[in-house]
Amino acid sequence: MSTHNLLRRSVTLGAAALILAAGLFAAPLTAQAATAPHITSGNPADGILDGRYHFQVTTDSADPVDFSTTPLPAGIGIDSTGLINGLPREVGDFPFTLTVSNGTTPNAVASYMLHIAAQVPPIFNQHNAPDAIAGHPYSFVVRASGSNPALSYQVTTGNLPIGLTLNASTGEISGIAPSTIEKGAFFTVSAFDPRVLGPFASHQYAIPVDASVAPTLAPIPDQRVVQGDAFSYQVQADGTPTPTYKLVTVIGSSIPDGLQINSTTGLLGGTITAAPGMYRFAVFANNGTDPVASQQVTLTVIPASTSTPTPTLPAPTPTPTSPEPAVTPSPSIHLPGVAG
């Protein structure tokens, strides 16, 4: 045998010896002890009569588990995965006990109360949709109240005006109205409860599309305000759709400090802190339809009145009193023949 083959055989035998030694001294594997199960899901959700019901029971067990319950409401049962499901056939409060086992004691046991409510068909709160304005943004929310707030909505007959869509989750009809004027064709919106088969309630709407009308502003008289005082004036404008408002400076003048306008209501006001003087500015009303309406306004800020203090006069100097002249008695005069 060649020296090369002898070396290779020695290495192979040495490796085998190491592997055998490692196996002899390795710690023996121990099986992990099984643990009893615990229920990790909360209280079961409420259900409604004849509405699809499902509630998933969950546990922390790593081993397969078995689920069992005391009698559940008619139409409901629990399957091998722990899913409580079915179509409830009676209304009321139903106590039951859930048991989960995995072969290791103690079993997990919990008591619950399952509430099954009567169906309350939703009622559409808005009976009429507002008109749309041709070529302008539109928004209207269809709302239905009932036994389940998580209703979904769908147009089941007819069609919305071109450019408008219905949000199935929120019930909002929105978009840009068509540019052509329409009387408005009828369409039906239905509300669906995810637990009940078929439409739960329906309502018919129509959305006429009206022509837009450019805004006009009512005359705004000149205004006066005392510096530091609160000022308020309601700007009046019409137009379709309702216009929004803003203030614009006029060349050679400015908007007085403290003055602003509510862009939605047109209320002009604020506490005027500007220096006394005459201010000129413009009020604009715009609804997306030309021409934009504008009015120039003059606001005079009057100085705050200041009271002049009354000067304090010095106390008058008292006039010295002259002493009364002493009266000298006249000497007695004796006339002859007159008795004294």
C-alpha atoms as a PDB file:
ATOM      1  CA  MET A   1       0.000   0.000   0.000  1.00  0.00           C
ATOM      2  CA  SER A   2       1.396   3.422  -0.940  1.00  0.00           C
ATOM      3  CA  THR A   3       2.246   6.068   1.604  1.00  0.00           C
ATOM      4  CA  HIS A   4      -0.542   8.344   0.186  1.00  0.00           C
ATOM      5  CA  ASN A   5      -3.212   5.673   0.715  1.00  0.00           C
ATOM      6  CA  LEU A   6      -1.984   4.995   4.233  1.00  0.00           C
ATOM      7  CA  LEU A   7      -2.277   8.672   5.149  1.00  0.00           C
ATOM      8  CA  ARG A   8      -5.799   8.938   3.701  1.00  0.00           C
ATOM      9  CA  ARG A   9      -6.928   5.853   5.615  1.00  0.00           C
ATOM     10  CA  SER A  10      -5.514   7.248   8.850  1.00  0.00           C
ATOM     11  CA  VAL A  11      -7.404  10.525   8.419  1.00  0.00           C
ATOM     12  CA  THR A  12     -10.681   8.698   7.708  1.00  0.00           C
ATOM     13  CA  LEU A  13     -10.328   6.464  10.758  1.00  0.00           C
ATOM     14  CA  GLY A  14      -9.474   9.455  12.923  1.00  0.00           C
ATOM     15  CA  ALA A  15     -12.589  11.379  11.828  1.00  0.00           C
ATOM     16  CA  ALA A  16     -14.794   8.363  12.509  1.00  0.00           C
ATOM     17  CA  ALA A  17     -13.323   8.046  15.969  1.00  0.00           C
ATOM     18  CA  LEU A  18     -14.083  11.694  16.725  1.00  0.00           C
ATOM     19  CA  ILE A  19     -17.697  11.333  15.588  1.00  0.00           C
ATOM     20  CA  LEU A  20     -18.128   8.206  17.718  1.00  0.00           C
ATOM     21  CA  ALA A  21     -16.659   9.947  20.753  1.00  0.00           C
ATOM     22  CA  ALA A  22     -18.950  12.952  20.295  1.00  0.00           C
ATOM     23  CA  GLY A  23     -21.942  10.638  20.229  1.00  0.00           C
ATOM     24  CA  LEU A  24     -20.864   8.877  23.394  1.00  0.00           C
ATOM     25  CA  PHE A  25     -20.478  12.083  25.391  1.00  0.00           C
ATOM     26  CA  ALA A  26     -23.431  14.103  23.944  1.00  0.00           C
ATOM     27  CA  ALA A  27     -26.214  14.914  26.414  1.00  0.00           C
ATOM     28  CA  PRO A  28     -29.282  12.760  25.882  1.00  0.00           C
ATOM     29  CA  LEU A  29     -32.299  14.538  24.300  1.00  0.00           C
ATOM     30  CA  THR A  30     -35.290  14.994  26.612  1.00  0.00           C
ATOM     31  CA  ALA A  31     -38.864  15.368  25.385  1.00  0.00           C
ATOM     32  CA  GLN A  32     -40.487  18.676  26.273  1.00  0.00           C
ATOM     33  CA  ALA A  33     -43.308  18.277  28.786  1.00  0.00           C
ATOM     34  CA  ALA A  34     -46.793  18.990  27.459  1.00  0.00           C
ATOM     35  CA  THR A  35     -48.655  21.918  28.988  1.00  0.00           C
ATOM     36  CA  ALA A  36     -52.343  22.362  29.654  1.00  0.00           C
ATOM     37  CA  PRO A  37     -54.184  24.687  27.248  1.00  0.00           C
ATOM     38  CA  HIS A  38     -55.464  28.193  27.957  1.00  0.00           C
ATOM     39  CA  ILE A  39     -58.190  30.047  26.081  1.00  0.00           C
ATOM     40  CA  THR A  40     -56.814  33.282  24.599  1.00  0.00           C
ATOM     41  CA  SER A  41     -59.884  34.607  22.761  1.00  0.00           C
ATOM     42  CA  GLY A  42     -62.195  37.051  24.530  1.00  0.00           C
ATOM     43  CA  ASN A  43     -65.951  37.069  24.936  1.00  0.00           C
ATOM     44  CA  PRO A  44     -67.898  35.946  21.880  1.00  0.00           C
ATOM     45  CA  ALA A  45     -69.453  38.661  19.745  1.00  0.00           C
ATOM     46  CA  ASP A  46     -73.198  39.312  19.774  1.00  0.00           C
ATOM     47  CA  GLY A  47     -75.313  37.994  16.942  1.00  0.00           C
ATOM     48  CA  ILE A  48     -78.616  38.818  15.284  1.00  0.00           C
ATOM     49  CA  LEU A  49     -81.550  36.603  14.437  1.00  0.00           C
ATOM     50  CA  ASP A  50     -81.045  34.776  11.102  1.00  0.00           C
ATOM     51  CA  GLY A  51     -77.783  36.638  10.584  1.00  0.00           C
ATOM     52  CA  ARG A  52     -74.559  34.808   9.770  1.00  0.00           C
ATOM     53  CA  TYR A  53     -72.616  34.326  12.984  1.00  0.00           C
ATOM     54  CA  HIS A  54     -68.975  33.382  13.465  1.00  0.00           C
ATOM     55  CA  PHE A  55     -66.545  33.630  16.351  1.00  0.00           C
ATOM     56  CA  GLN A  56     -63.123  31.971  16.411  1.00  0.00           C
ATOM     57  CA  VAL A  57     -61.960  30.452  19.704  1.00  0.00           C
ATOM     58  CA  THR A  58     -58.165  30.568  20.084  1.00  0.00           C
ATOM     59  CA  THR A  59     -55.768  28.898  22.549  1.00  0.00           C
ATOM     60  CA  ASP A  60     -52.053  28.961  23.442  1.00  0.00           C
ATOM     61  CA  SER A  61     -51.660  25.187  23.073  1.00  0.00           C
ATOM     62  CA  ALA A  62     -48.874  23.879  20.825  1.00  0.00           C
ATOM     63  CA  ASP A  63     -50.592  20.488  20.703  1.00  0.00           C
ATOM     64  CA  PRO A  64     -53.831  19.649  18.890  1.00  0.00           C
ATOM     65  CA  VAL A  65     -56.887  20.544  20.919  1.00  0.00           C
ATOM     66  CA  ASP A  66     -60.488  19.454  21.104  1.00  0.00           C
ATOM     67  CA  PHE A  67     -63.360  21.929  21.540  1.00  0.00           C
ATOM     68  CA  SER A  68     -66.725  21.270  23.131  1.00  0.00           C
ATOM     69  CA  THR A  69     -69.558  23.391  24.516  1.00  0.00           C
ATOM     70  CA  THR A  70     -72.767  23.017  26.425  1.00  0.00           C
ATOM     71  CA  PRO A  71     -75.830  23.642  24.225  1.00  0.00           C
ATOM     72  CA  LEU A  72     -75.612  26.795  22.085  1.00  0.00           C
ATOM     73  CA  PRO A  73     -78.576  28.783  20.688  1.00  0.00           C
ATOM     74  CA  ALA A  74     -80.535  26.966  18.008  1.00  0.00           C
ATOM     75  CA  GLY A  75     -78.783  27.234  14.632  1.00  0.00           C
ATOM     76  CA  ILE A  76     -75.257  27.684  16.086  1.00  0.00           C
ATOM     77  CA  GLY A  77     -72.525  25.089  16.701  1.00  0.00           C
ATOM     78  CA  ILE A  78     -68.762  24.766  17.139  1.00  0.00           C
ATOM     79  CA  ASP A  79     -66.501  22.887  14.722  1.00  0.00           C
ATOM     80  CA  SER A  80     -63.202  21.058  15.206  1.00  0.00           C
ATOM     81  CA  THR A  81     -61.182  24.254  14.610  1.00  0.00           C
ATOM     82  CA  GLY A  82     -62.938  26.138  17.411  1.00  0.00           C
ATOM     83  CA  LEU A  83     -65.105  28.216  15.072  1.00  0.00           C
ATOM     84  CA  ILE A  84     -68.541  28.979  16.558  1.00  0.00           C
ATOM     85  CA  ASN A  85     -70.794  29.678  13.586  1.00  0.00           C
ATOM     86  CA  GLY A  86     -74.247  29.312  12.100  1.00  0.00           C
ATOM     87  CA  LEU A  87     -77.534  31.162  11.685  1.00  0.00           C
ATOM     88  CA  PRO A  88     -79.155  31.961  15.054  1.00  0.00           C
ATOM     89  CA  ARG A  89     -82.807  30.937  15.125  1.00  0.00           C
ATOM     90  CA  GLU A  90     -83.888  32.492  18.424  1.00  0.00           C
ATOM     91  CA  VAL A  91     -83.511  35.790  20.280  1.00  0.00           C
ATOM     92  CA  GLY A  92     -82.240  36.099  23.831  1.00  0.00           C
ATOM     93  CA  ASP A  93     -79.255  35.695  26.151  1.00  0.00           C
ATOM     94  CA  PHE A  94     -77.805  32.189  26.151  1.00  0.00           C
ATOM     95  CA  PRO A  95     -75.242  31.035  28.756  1.00  0.00           C
ATOM     96  CA  PHE A  96     -72.857  28.267  27.707  1.00  0.00           C
ATOM     97  CA  THR A  97     -69.609  26.698  28.840  1.00  0.00           C
ATOM     98  CA  LEU A  98     -66.615  26.168  26.546  1.00  0.00           C
ATOM     99  CA  THR A  99     -64.094  23.374  27.226  1.00  0.00           C
ATOM    100  CA  VAL A 100     -60.719  23.027  25.505  1.00  0.00           C
ATOM    101  CA  SER A 101     -58.550  19.926  26.022  1.00  0.00           C
ATOM    102  CA  ASN A 102     -55.237  18.703  24.598  1.00  0.00           C
ATOM    103  CA  GLY A 103     -54.637  15.579  26.678  1.00  0.00           C
ATOM    104  CA  THR A 104     -52.899  17.412  29.486  1.00  0.00           C
ATOM    105  CA  THR A 105     -54.885  18.395  32.528  1.00  0.00           C
ATOM    106  CA  PRO A 106     -56.413  20.609  33.605  1.00  0.00           C
ATOM    107  CA  ASN A 107     -58.664  21.405  30.682  1.00  0.00           C
ATOM    108  CA  ALA A 108     -59.368  25.052  29.883  1.00  0.00           C
ATOM    109  CA  VAL A 109     -62.943  25.900  30.842  1.00  0.00           C
ATOM    110  CA  ALA A 110     -64.739  29.244  30.479  1.00  0.00           C
ATOM    111  CA  SER A 111     -68.349  30.365  30.791  1.00  0.00           C
ATOM    112  CA  TYR A 112     -69.896  32.946  28.442  1.00  0.00           C
ATOM    113  CA  MET A 113     -73.181  34.682  27.655  1.00  0.00           C
ATOM    114  CA  LEU A 114     -74.090  34.834  23.971  1.00  0.00           C
ATOM    115  CA  HIS A 115     -76.554  37.613  23.095  1.00  0.00           C
ATOM    116  CA  ILE A 116     -78.725  37.199  20.011  1.00  0.00           C
ATOM    117  CA  ALA A 117     -80.653  40.349  19.087  1.00  0.00           C
ATOM    118  CA  ALA A 118     -83.672  40.771  16.864  1.00  0.00           C
ATOM    119  CA  GLN A 119     -83.033  42.203  13.420  1.00  0.00           C
ATOM    120  CA  VAL A 120     -83.589  45.960  13.187  1.00  0.00           C
ATOM    121  CA  PRO A 121     -83.748  46.890   9.506  1.00  0.00           C
ATOM    122  CA  PRO A 122     -81.838  50.113   8.811  1.00  0.00           C
ATOM    123  CA  ILE A 123     -83.706  53.320   8.061  1.00  0.00           C
ATOM    124  CA  PHE A 124     -82.315  55.799   5.539  1.00  0.00           C
ATOM    125  CA  ASN A 125     -81.973  59.146   7.307  1.00  0.00           C
ATOM    126  CA  GLN A 126     -81.699  61.333   4.203  1.00  0.00           C
ATOM    127  CA  HIS A 127     -84.722  61.107   1.967  1.00  0.00           C
ATOM    128  CA  ASN A 128     -83.576  63.521  -0.740  1.00  0.00           C
ATOM    129  CA  ALA A 129     -80.182  64.202  -2.244  1.00  0.00           C
ATOM    130  CA  PRO A 130     -79.175  67.839  -2.864  1.00  0.00           C
ATOM    131  CA  ASP A 131     -78.841  69.092  -6.421  1.00  0.00           C
ATOM    132  CA  ALA A 132     -75.453  69.041  -8.101  1.00  0.00           C
ATOM    133  CA  ILE A 133     -73.953  72.026  -9.924  1.00  0.00           C
ATOM    134  CA  ALA A 134     -72.704  71.358 -13.446  1.00  0.00           C
ATOM    135  CA  GLY A 135     -68.932  70.966 -13.529  1.00  0.00           C
ATOM    136  CA  HIS A 136     -68.490  71.469  -9.775  1.00  0.00           C
ATOM    137  CA  PRO A 137     -67.473  69.102  -6.935  1.00  0.00           C
ATOM    138  CA  TYR A 138     -70.349  67.237  -5.309  1.00  0.00           C
ATOM    139  CA  SER A 139     -70.656  65.392  -2.004  1.00  0.00           C
ATOM    140  CA  PHE A 140     -73.613  63.736  -0.302  1.00  0.00           C
ATOM    141  CA  VAL A 141     -73.521  60.997   2.325  1.00  0.00           C
ATOM    142  CA  VAL A 142     -76.184  58.292   2.287  1.00  0.00           C
ATOM    143  CA  ARG A 143     -76.693  57.082   5.868  1.00  0.00           C
ATOM    144  CA  ALA A 144     -78.801  54.254   7.198  1.00  0.00           C
ATOM    145  CA  SER A 145     -79.188  53.402  10.871  1.00  0.00           C
ATOM    146  CA  GLY A 146     -80.001  49.931  12.126  1.00  0.00           C
ATOM    147  CA  SER A 147     -78.806  46.984  14.167  1.00  0.00           C
ATOM    148  CA  ASN A 148     -75.331  47.012  12.618  1.00  0.00           C
ATOM    149  CA  PRO A 149     -73.394  50.253  12.119  1.00  0.00           C
ATOM    150  CA  ALA A 150     -70.954  48.546   9.723  1.00  0.00           C
ATOM    151  CA  LEU A 151     -73.342  48.578   6.776  1.00  0.00           C
ATOM    152  CA  SER A 152     -72.163  48.636   3.180  1.00  0.00           C
ATOM    153  CA  TYR A 153     -73.858  50.470   0.321  1.00  0.00           C
ATOM    154  CA  GLN A 154     -74.422  49.722  -3.335  1.00  0.00           C
ATOM    155  CA  VAL A 155     -76.391  51.163  -6.253  1.00  0.00           C
ATOM    156  CA  THR A 156     -78.736  48.313  -7.088  1.00  0.00           C
ATOM    157  CA  THR A 157     -80.917  49.887  -9.804  1.00  0.00           C
ATOM    158  CA  GLY A 158     -80.326  52.835 -12.115  1.00  0.00           C
ATOM    159  CA  ASN A 159     -77.136  54.855 -12.409  1.00  0.00           C
ATOM    160  CA  LEU A 160     -75.472  57.797 -10.728  1.00  0.00           C
ATOM    161  CA  PRO A 161     -74.845  60.925 -12.821  1.00  0.00           C
ATOM    162  CA  ILE A 162     -71.646  60.661 -14.852  1.00  0.00           C
ATOM    163  CA  GLY A 163     -68.617  61.621 -12.757  1.00  0.00           C
ATOM    164  CA  LEU A 164     -70.136  60.621  -9.407  1.00  0.00           C
ATOM    165  CA  THR A 165     -69.341  57.442  -7.483  1.00  0.00           C
ATOM    166  CA  LEU A 166     -70.636  55.777  -4.305  1.00  0.00           C
ATOM    167  CA  ASN A 167     -68.205  54.777  -1.534  1.00  0.00           C
ATOM    168  CA  ALA A 168     -69.431  51.341  -0.419  1.00  0.00           C
ATOM    169  CA  SER A 169     -68.060  51.745   3.119  1.00  0.00           C
ATOM    170  CA  THR A 170     -69.015  55.322   3.988  1.00  0.00           C
ATOM    171  CA  GLY A 171     -72.058  55.824   1.759  1.00  0.00           C
ATOM    172  CA  GLU A 172     -70.626  59.054   0.323  1.00  0.00           C
ATOM    173  CA  ILE A 173     -71.637  59.984  -3.211  1.00  0.00           C
ATOM    174  CA  SER A 174     -68.936  62.298  -4.539  1.00  0.00           C
ATOM    175  CA  GLY A 175     -67.079  63.468  -7.614  1.00  0.00           C
ATOM    176  CA  ILE A 176     -67.303  66.185 -10.242  1.00  0.00           C
ATOM    177  CA  ALA A 177     -70.833  66.689 -11.532  1.00  0.00           C
ATOM    178  CA  PRO A 178     -71.357  66.435 -15.301  1.00  0.00           C
ATOM    179  CA  SER A 179     -71.108  69.657 -17.277  1.00  0.00           C
ATOM    180  CA  THR A 180     -74.546  69.157 -18.819  1.00  0.00           C
ATOM    181  CA  ILE A 181     -77.746  70.146 -17.039  1.00  0.00           C
ATOM    182  CA  GLU A 182     -79.963  67.173 -16.129  1.00  0.00           C
ATOM    183  CA  LYS A 183     -83.284  66.691 -14.394  1.00  0.00           C
ATOM    184  CA  GLY A 184     -81.888  63.712 -12.567  1.00  0.00           C
ATOM    185  CA  ALA A 185     -82.806  60.076 -13.212  1.00  0.00           C
ATOM    186  CA  PHE A 186     -83.827  57.907 -10.274  1.00  0.00           C
ATOM    187  CA  PHE A 187     -81.473  55.283  -8.862  1.00  0.00           C
ATOM    188  CA  THR A 188     -81.698  52.973  -5.841  1.00  0.00           C
ATOM    189  CA  VAL A 189     -79.136  52.668  -3.075  1.00  0.00           C
ATOM    190  CA  SER A 190     -79.301  49.497  -0.955  1.00  0.00           C
ATOM    191  CA  ALA A 191     -77.752  48.955   2.457  1.00  0.00           C
ATOM    192  CA  PHE A 192     -76.223  45.540   3.162  1.00  0.00           C
ATOM    193  CA  ASP A 193     -75.521  43.979   6.544  1.00  0.00           C
ATOM    194  CA  PRO A 194     -72.593  41.548   6.211  1.00  0.00           C
ATOM    195  CA  ARG A 195     -74.423  39.092   8.473  1.00  0.00           C
ATOM    196  CA  VAL A 196     -77.648  39.008   6.447  1.00  0.00           C
ATOM    197  CA  LEU A 197     -78.185  37.615   2.954  1.00  0.00           C
ATOM    198  CA  GLY A 198     -79.405  40.080   0.336  1.00  0.00           C
ATOM    199  CA  PRO A 199     -80.187  43.821   0.607  1.00  0.00           C
ATOM    200  CA  PHE A 200     -81.271  44.831   4.096  1.00  0.00           C
ATOM    201  CA  ALA A 201     -82.957  48.103   3.086  1.00  0.00           C
ATOM    202  CA  SER A 202     -83.211  50.275  -0.018  1.00  0.00           C
ATOM    203  CA  HIS A 203     -84.044  53.882  -0.879  1.00  0.00           C
ATOM    204  CA  GLN A 204     -84.549  55.728  -4.157  1.00  0.00           C
ATOM    205  CA  TYR A 205     -82.767  58.997  -4.967  1.00  0.00           C
ATOM    206  CA  ALA A 206     -82.374  61.439  -7.840  1.00  0.00           C
ATOM    207  CA  ILE A 207     -79.627  64.052  -8.266  1.00  0.00           C
ATOM    208  CA  PRO A 208     -80.610  66.890 -10.631  1.00  0.00           C
ATOM    209  CA  VAL A 209     -77.694  68.787 -12.187  1.00  0.00           C
ATOM    210  CA  ASP A 210     -78.266  72.556 -12.189  1.00  0.00           C
ATOM    211  CA  ALA A 211     -76.474  75.317 -14.069  1.00  0.00           C
ATOM    212  CA  SER A 212     -73.948  77.367 -12.140  1.00  0.00           C
ATOM    213  CA  VAL A 213     -74.611  81.077 -11.498  1.00  0.00           C
ATOM    214  CA  ALA A 214     -71.809  83.599 -11.032  1.00  0.00           C
ATOM    215  CA  PRO A 215     -71.805  85.326  -7.635  1.00  0.00           C
ATOM    216  CA  THR A 216     -72.924  88.879  -6.925  1.00  0.00           C
ATOM    217  CA  LEU A 217     -72.133  90.956  -3.852  1.00  0.00           C
ATOM    218  CA  ALA A 218     -74.576  93.269  -2.089  1.00  0.00           C
ATOM    219  CA  PRO A 219     -73.242  96.842  -1.691  1.00  0.00           C
ATOM    220  CA  ILE A 220     -70.993  97.271   1.349  1.00  0.00           C
ATOM    221  CA  PRO A 221     -71.227 100.756   2.918  1.00  0.00           C
ATOM    222  CA  ASP A 222     -68.183 102.575   4.252  1.00  0.00           C
ATOM    223  CA  GLN A 223     -67.346 101.526   7.792  1.00  0.00           C
ATOM    224  CA  ARG A 224     -65.927 103.263  10.873  1.00  0.00           C
ATOM    225  CA  VAL A 225     -64.405 101.683  13.953  1.00  0.00           C
ATOM    226  CA  VAL A 226     -62.567 102.957  17.023  1.00  0.00           C
ATOM    227  CA  GLN A 227     -58.998 101.732  17.308  1.00  0.00           C
ATOM    228  CA  GLY A 228     -58.839  98.733  19.634  1.00  0.00           C
ATOM    229  CA  ASP A 229     -62.570  97.953  19.350  1.00  0.00           C
ATOM    230  CA  ALA A 230     -64.137  94.781  17.942  1.00  0.00           C
ATOM    231  CA  PHE A 231     -65.651  95.143  14.458  1.00  0.00           C
ATOM    232  CA  SER A 232     -68.219  92.962  12.689  1.00  0.00           C
ATOM    233  CA  TYR A 233     -70.079  93.191   9.388  1.00  0.00           C
ATOM    234  CA  GLN A 234     -71.888  90.423   7.478  1.00  0.00           C
ATOM    235  CA  VAL A 235     -71.073  90.452   3.764  1.00  0.00           C
ATOM    236  CA  GLN A 236     -73.986  89.259   1.625  1.00  0.00           C
ATOM    237  CA  ALA A 237     -73.530  87.403  -1.670  1.00  0.00           C
ATOM    238  CA  ASP A 238     -75.517  85.013  -3.831  1.00  0.00           C
ATOM    239  CA  GLY A 239     -74.615  82.586  -6.594  1.00  0.00           C
ATOM    240  CA  THR A 240     -74.741  78.871  -7.365  1.00  0.00           C
ATOM    241  CA  PRO A 241     -72.869  77.155  -5.852  1.00  0.00           C
ATOM    242  CA  THR A 242     -72.410  79.224  -2.689  1.00  0.00           C
ATOM    243  CA  PRO A 243     -69.324  81.403  -3.084  1.00  0.00           C
ATOM    244  CA  THR A 244     -66.298  81.688  -0.821  1.00  0.00           C
ATOM    245  CA  TYR A 245     -64.794  84.991   0.333  1.00  0.00           C
ATOM    246  CA  LYS A 246     -61.400  86.649   0.674  1.00  0.00           C
ATOM    247  CA  LEU A 247     -59.870  90.097   1.236  1.00  0.00           C
ATOM    248  CA  VAL A 248     -57.581  91.693  -1.345  1.00  0.00           C
ATOM    249  CA  THR A 249     -55.401  94.773  -0.887  1.00  0.00           C
ATOM    250  CA  VAL A 250     -55.938  97.845  -3.014  1.00  0.00           C
ATOM    251  CA  ILE A 251     -52.991  99.697  -4.571  1.00  0.00           C
ATOM    252  CA  GLY A 252     -51.910 102.559  -2.356  1.00  0.00           C
ATOM    253  CA  SER A 253     -53.619 101.190   0.744  1.00  0.00           C
ATOM    254  CA  SER A 254     -53.702  98.101   2.952  1.00  0.00           C
ATOM    255  CA  ILE A 255     -55.970  95.855   4.981  1.00  0.00           C
ATOM    256  CA  PRO A 256     -56.048  97.191   8.552  1.00  0.00           C
ATOM    257  CA  ASP A 257     -54.364  95.036  11.172  1.00  0.00           C
ATOM    258  CA  GLY A 258     -56.823  92.777  12.975  1.00  0.00           C
ATOM    259  CA  LEU A 259     -59.371  92.609  10.140  1.00  0.00           C
ATOM    260  CA  GLN A 260     -60.219  89.298   8.503  1.00  0.00           C
ATOM    261  CA  ILE A 261     -63.090  87.581   6.714  1.00  0.00           C
ATOM    262  CA  ASN A 262     -64.560  84.113   7.205  1.00  0.00           C
ATOM    263  CA  SER A 263     -64.078  82.424   3.832  1.00  0.00           C
ATOM    264  CA  THR A 264     -67.238  80.344   4.233  1.00  0.00           C
ATOM    265  CA  THR A 265     -69.754  82.674   5.901  1.00  0.00           C
ATOM    266  CA  GLY A 266     -68.491  86.052   4.682  1.00  0.00           C
ATOM    267  CA  LEU A 267     -68.406  87.514   8.199  1.00  0.00           C
ATOM    268  CA  LEU A 268     -66.023  90.469   8.159  1.00  0.00           C
ATOM    269  CA  GLY A 269     -64.591  91.337  11.553  1.00  0.00           C
ATOM    270  CA  GLY A 270     -61.904  91.288  14.190  1.00  0.00           C
ATOM    271  CA  THR A 271     -60.353  93.529  16.811  1.00  0.00           C
ATOM    272  CA  ILE A 272     -58.873  96.432  14.880  1.00  0.00           C
ATOM    273  CA  THR A 273     -55.383  97.286  16.079  1.00  0.00           C
ATOM    274  CA  ALA A 274     -54.313  99.357  13.058  1.00  0.00           C
ATOM    275  CA  ALA A 275     -53.184 102.937  13.445  1.00  0.00           C
ATOM    276  CA  PRO A 276     -55.877 105.580  12.979  1.00  0.00           C
ATOM    277  CA  GLY A 277     -56.509 106.424   9.348  1.00  0.00           C
ATOM    278  CA  MET A 278     -58.478 105.476   6.232  1.00  0.00           C
ATOM    279  CA  TYR A 279     -58.006 102.001   4.756  1.00  0.00           C
ATOM    280  CA  ARG A 280     -59.247 100.739   1.405  1.00  0.00           C
ATOM    281  CA  PHE A 281     -59.445  97.077   0.422  1.00  0.00           C
ATOM    282  CA  ALA A 282     -61.612  94.735  -1.683  1.00  0.00           C
ATOM    283  CA  VAL A 283     -63.902  91.838  -0.800  1.00  0.00           C
ATOM    284  CA  PHE A 284     -63.950  89.045  -3.394  1.00  0.00           C
ATOM    285  CA  ALA A 285     -66.651  86.357  -3.757  1.00  0.00           C
ATOM    286  CA  ASN A 286     -65.870  83.370  -5.991  1.00  0.00           C
ATOM    287  CA  ASN A 287     -67.697  80.118  -6.731  1.00  0.00           C
ATOM    288  CA  GLY A 288     -65.712  78.953  -9.732  1.00  0.00           C
ATOM    289  CA  THR A 289     -68.048  80.615 -12.226  1.00  0.00           C
ATOM    290  CA  ASP A 290     -66.889  83.825 -13.915  1.00  0.00           C
ATOM    291  CA  PRO A 291     -66.994  86.675 -13.312  1.00  0.00           C
ATOM    292  CA  VAL A 292     -65.690  86.884  -9.747  1.00  0.00           C
ATOM    293  CA  ALA A 293     -67.670  89.428  -7.694  1.00  0.00           C
ATOM    294  CA  SER A 294     -65.790  92.196  -5.877  1.00  0.00           C
ATOM    295  CA  GLN A 295     -66.571  95.252  -3.769  1.00  0.00           C
ATOM    296  CA  GLN A 296     -64.178  97.974  -2.618  1.00  0.00           C
ATOM    297  CA  VAL A 297     -64.593  98.886   1.029  1.00  0.00           C
ATOM    298  CA  THR A 298     -63.388 101.902   2.984  1.00  0.00           C
ATOM    299  CA  LEU A 299     -62.779 101.431   6.681  1.00  0.00           C
ATOM    300  CA  THR A 300     -61.848 104.432   8.802  1.00  0.00           C
ATOM    301  CA  VAL A 301     -60.061 103.778  12.088  1.00  0.00           C
ATOM    302  CA  ILE A 302     -60.807 106.479  14.635  1.00  0.00           C
ATOM    303  CA  PRO A 303     -58.379 107.218  17.462  1.00  0.00           C
ATOM    304  CA  ALA A 304     -59.497 105.958  20.820  1.00  0.00           C
ATOM    305  CA  SER A 305     -60.919 108.846  22.864  1.00  0.00           C
ATOM    306  CA  THR A 306     -58.682 110.130  25.660  1.00  0.00           C
ATOM    307  CA  SER A 307     -60.064 112.156  28.576  1.00  0.00           C
ATOM    308  CA  THR A 308     -58.128 115.348  29.535  1.00  0.00           C
ATOM    309  CA  PRO A 309     -57.425 115.375  33.268  1.00  0.00           C
ATOM    310  CA  THR A 310     -58.818 118.365  35.192  1.00  0.00           C
ATOM    311  CA  PRO A 311     -55.902 120.489  36.456  1.00  0.00           C
ATOM    312  CA  THR A 312     -55.574 120.755  40.204  1.00  0.00           C
ATOM    313  CA  LEU A 313     -55.697 124.401  41.316  1.00  0.00           C
ATOM    314  CA  PRO A 314     -53.629 125.523  44.300  1.00  0.00           C
ATOM    315  CA  ALA A 315     -55.577 126.180  47.463  1.00  0.00           C
ATOM    316  CA  PRO A 316     -56.548 129.890  47.724  1.00  0.00           C
ATOM    317  CA  THR A 317     -54.478 132.012  50.098  1.00  0.00           C
ATOM    318  CA  PRO A 318     -56.712 133.251  52.936  1.00  0.00           C
ATOM    319  CA  THR A 319     -57.253 137.045  53.039  1.00  0.00           C
ATOM    320  CA  PRO A 320     -55.970 138.506  56.348  1.00  0.00           C
ATOM    321  CA  THR A 321     -58.745 139.876  58.554  1.00  0.00           C
ATOM    322  CA  SER A 322     -58.253 143.536  59.658  1.00  0.00           C
ATOM    323  CA  PRO A 323     -58.809 144.061  63.411  1.00  0.00           C
ATOM    324  CA  GLU A 324     -61.910 145.989  64.367  1.00  0.00           C
ATOM    325  CA  PRO A 325     -61.029 149.642  65.388  1.00  0.00           C
ATOM    326  CA  ALA A 326     -61.217 150.219  69.102  1.00  0.00           C
ATOM    327  CA  VAL A 327     -64.200 152.319  70.186  1.00  0.00           C
ATOM    328  CA  THR A 328     -63.236 155.192  72.500  1.00  0.00           C
ATOM    329  CA  PRO A 329     -66.099 156.120  74.802  1.00  0.00           C
ATOM    330  CA  SER A 330     -67.249 159.719  74.482  1.00  0.00           C
ATOM    331  CA  PRO A 331     -66.846 161.903  77.618  1.00  0.00           C
ATOM    332  CA  SER A 332     -69.990 162.727  79.522  1.00  0.00           C
ATOM    333  CA  ILE A 333     -71.228 166.229  79.017  1.00  0.00           C
ATOM    334  CA  HIS A 334     -73.163 167.871  81.794  1.00  0.00           C
ATOM    335  CA  LEU A 335     -75.489 170.656  80.803  1.00  0.00           C
ATOM    336  CA  PRO A 336     -76.577 173.161  83.366  1.00  0.00           C
ATOM    337  CA  GLY A 337     -79.990 172.526  84.836  1.00  0.00           C
ATOM    338  CA  VAL A 338     -80.049 168.862  83.648  1.00  0.00           C
ATOM    339  CA  ALA A 339     -79.894 166.240  86.230  1.00  0.00           C
ATOM    340  CA  GLY A 340     -77.107 163.696  85.674  1.00  0.00           C
END
